[in-house]
Protein backbone atom coordinates (compact mmCIF):
# COMPACT_ATOMS: atom_id res chain seq x y z
CA MET A 1 -47.71 -24.41 11.61
CA ALA A 2 -44.83 -22.61 9.83
CA ASN A 3 -41.78 -21.42 11.71
CA ILE A 4 -41.25 -17.68 11.58
CA THR A 5 -37.65 -16.47 11.46
CA ARG A 6 -36.38 -12.95 11.67
CA PHE A 7 -34.24 -11.66 8.75
CA ASP A 8 -31.00 -10.07 9.92
CA PRO A 9 -29.38 -8.12 7.05
CA PHE A 10 -25.93 -8.23 8.67
CA THR A 11 -25.65 -11.99 9.13
CA ASP A 12 -27.69 -12.98 6.08
CA PHE A 13 -25.97 -10.51 3.72
CA ASP A 14 -24.34 -13.24 1.61
CA ASP A 15 -27.71 -14.92 1.03
CA LEU A 16 -29.24 -11.65 -0.13
CA PHE A 17 -27.00 -11.52 -3.22
CA LYS A 18 -26.81 -15.24 -4.08
CA GLY A 19 -27.30 -15.76 -7.78
CA PHE A 20 -26.39 -12.19 -8.72
CA LEU A 21 -23.12 -11.00 -10.18
CA VAL A 22 -22.68 -8.63 -7.26
CA ARG A 23 -20.06 -9.37 -4.67
CA PRO A 24 -21.17 -8.55 -1.13
CA LEU A 25 -19.27 -5.98 0.90
CA ARG A 26 -16.88 -7.24 3.51
CA TYR A 27 -15.45 -5.41 6.46
CA ASP A 28 -12.12 -7.22 6.41
CA LEU A 29 -10.33 -5.67 3.46
CA GLU A 30 -7.20 -7.77 3.68
CA ALA A 31 -7.26 -11.29 2.31
CA PRO A 32 -5.41 -13.92 4.31
CA GLY A 33 -1.72 -13.75 3.49
CA GLN A 34 -2.05 -10.39 1.76
CA MET A 35 0.44 -7.70 2.67
CA ASN A 36 -0.30 -4.05 3.28
CA VAL A 37 2.33 -1.27 3.08
CA LYS A 38 2.54 0.55 6.41
CA LEU A 39 4.05 4.06 6.44
CA ASP A 40 5.63 6.55 8.84
CA VAL A 41 5.91 10.08 7.40
CA THR A 42 7.86 12.80 9.21
CA ARG A 43 8.79 16.32 8.14
CA THR A 44 11.69 18.65 8.78
CA ASP A 45 12.02 22.19 7.46
CA ASP A 46 13.46 21.12 4.11
CA ALA A 47 12.40 17.48 3.54
CA TYR A 48 9.93 14.69 4.23
CA THR A 49 11.14 11.32 5.49
CA VAL A 50 9.07 8.24 4.70
CA LYS A 51 9.63 4.80 6.20
CA ALA A 52 7.63 2.05 4.52
CA GLU A 53 7.50 -1.54 5.76
CA MET A 54 7.90 -3.89 2.81
CA PRO A 55 9.13 -7.21 4.23
CA GLY A 56 9.85 -10.08 1.89
CA ILE A 57 10.12 -7.88 -1.21
CA LYS A 58 13.38 -7.76 -3.11
CA LYS A 59 14.99 -4.38 -3.79
CA ASP A 60 14.65 -4.89 -7.56
CA ASP A 61 10.87 -5.44 -7.22
CA ILE A 62 10.21 -2.02 -5.61
CA SER A 63 9.32 1.11 -7.58
CA VAL A 64 8.77 4.66 -6.33
CA SER A 65 7.20 7.36 -8.49
CA ILE A 66 6.81 11.03 -7.64
CA ASP A 67 4.41 13.37 -9.41
CA GLY A 68 4.40 16.80 -7.82
CA SER A 69 3.21 16.18 -4.27
CA GLN A 70 1.86 12.65 -4.90
CA VAL A 71 4.12 9.70 -4.07
CA THR A 72 3.41 6.11 -5.10
CA ILE A 73 5.28 3.12 -3.68
CA ALA A 74 4.73 -0.25 -5.37
CA GLY A 75 6.25 -3.68 -5.02
CA GLU A 76 5.75 -7.26 -6.11
CA VAL A 77 5.31 -9.90 -3.42
CA LYS A 78 6.41 -13.46 -3.95
CA LYS A 79 5.77 -15.57 -0.86
CA GLU A 80 6.08 -19.32 -0.67
CA LYS A 81 5.92 -21.51 2.36
CA GLU A 82 5.81 -25.25 1.95
CA GLU A 83 6.23 -27.94 4.54
CA LYS A 84 7.14 -31.42 3.31
CA LYS A 85 7.33 -34.72 5.06
CA GLY A 86 9.25 -37.05 2.81
CA GLU A 87 7.66 -36.66 -0.64
CA GLU A 88 4.15 -35.89 0.60
CA VAL A 89 3.21 -32.19 0.80
CA ILE A 90 1.68 -31.56 4.21
CA ARG A 91 0.91 -27.85 3.85
CA SER A 92 1.49 -25.28 1.12
CA GLU A 93 0.84 -21.53 1.43
CA ARG A 94 1.60 -19.25 -1.51
CA TYR A 95 0.82 -15.68 -2.35
CA TYR A 96 1.86 -13.77 -5.43
CA GLY A 97 0.71 -10.27 -6.10
CA LYS A 98 1.42 -6.59 -6.23
CA VAL A 99 1.08 -4.10 -3.43
CA ALA A 100 0.95 -0.34 -3.82
CA ARG A 101 0.38 2.68 -1.66
CA SER A 102 -0.15 6.29 -2.79
CA PHE A 103 -0.28 9.39 -0.66
CA THR A 104 -0.23 13.15 -1.18
CA LEU A 105 2.09 15.47 0.73
CA PRO A 106 1.17 19.07 1.56
CA GLN A 107 4.03 20.46 -0.57
CA GLU A 108 5.59 19.46 -3.88
CA VAL A 109 8.66 17.23 -3.82
CA ASP A 110 11.92 17.95 -5.67
CA GLU A 111 12.19 14.71 -7.70
CA ALA A 112 15.79 15.37 -8.75
CA LYS A 113 17.06 15.40 -5.14
CA ALA A 114 14.90 12.54 -3.78
CA GLN A 115 16.71 9.48 -2.39
CA ALA A 116 15.58 5.91 -1.63
CA LYS A 117 17.32 3.23 0.45
CA TYR A 118 16.09 -0.28 1.22
CA ALA A 119 17.42 -2.39 4.07
CA ASP A 120 15.97 -5.09 6.33
CA GLY A 121 12.47 -4.87 4.83
CA VAL A 122 12.15 -1.10 5.35
CA LEU A 123 12.19 1.41 2.50
CA ASN A 124 13.56 4.83 3.57
CA LEU A 125 12.70 7.78 1.35
CA THR A 126 14.14 11.27 1.71
CA LEU A 127 11.93 13.66 -0.24
CA PRO A 128 13.22 17.26 -0.29
CA VAL A 129 10.62 19.99 -0.53
CA LYS A 130 10.68 21.88 -3.82
CA SER A 131 11.85 25.42 -3.17
CA LYS A 132 9.20 28.01 -3.83
CA ALA A 133 9.91 30.59 -6.46
CA GLY A 134 10.82 33.83 -4.75
CA SER A 135 8.36 36.65 -5.11
CA ARG A 136 9.42 39.40 -7.42
CA LYS A 137 8.27 42.98 -7.47
CA LEU A 138 7.50 44.46 -10.83
CA THR A 139 8.02 48.11 -11.60
CA VAL A 140 5.28 49.78 -13.53
CA ASN A 141 6.52 51.86 -16.47
């Protein structure tokens, strides 16, 4: 007599798409060794302050772009970790890649007055709020 097995779509998901050019969904979005940019955003009356964790990235490999109220932080990661015993490589872990994070602020940022500082793996951004154009009353002739 044949054995009957129950199909579980959550555990057998990889088997469902075998042979197709479709990659199955995964719940863990980070690959092992991959870095994610973590942010703290605070606001005062006249500026936003952003602290972004970017450990292991050199200052020259970081770029910040501002377009209105959208801010993009990008960096290039170059990680190498290699343990040697004599001439034989025991373990080697390497990761090269780019990381980026974009977010939109509630108000537009004054790009000309924005400042960025990088120290100890933390990028500090000071993003002044663009002053609103004052309202003007028109006289009707």
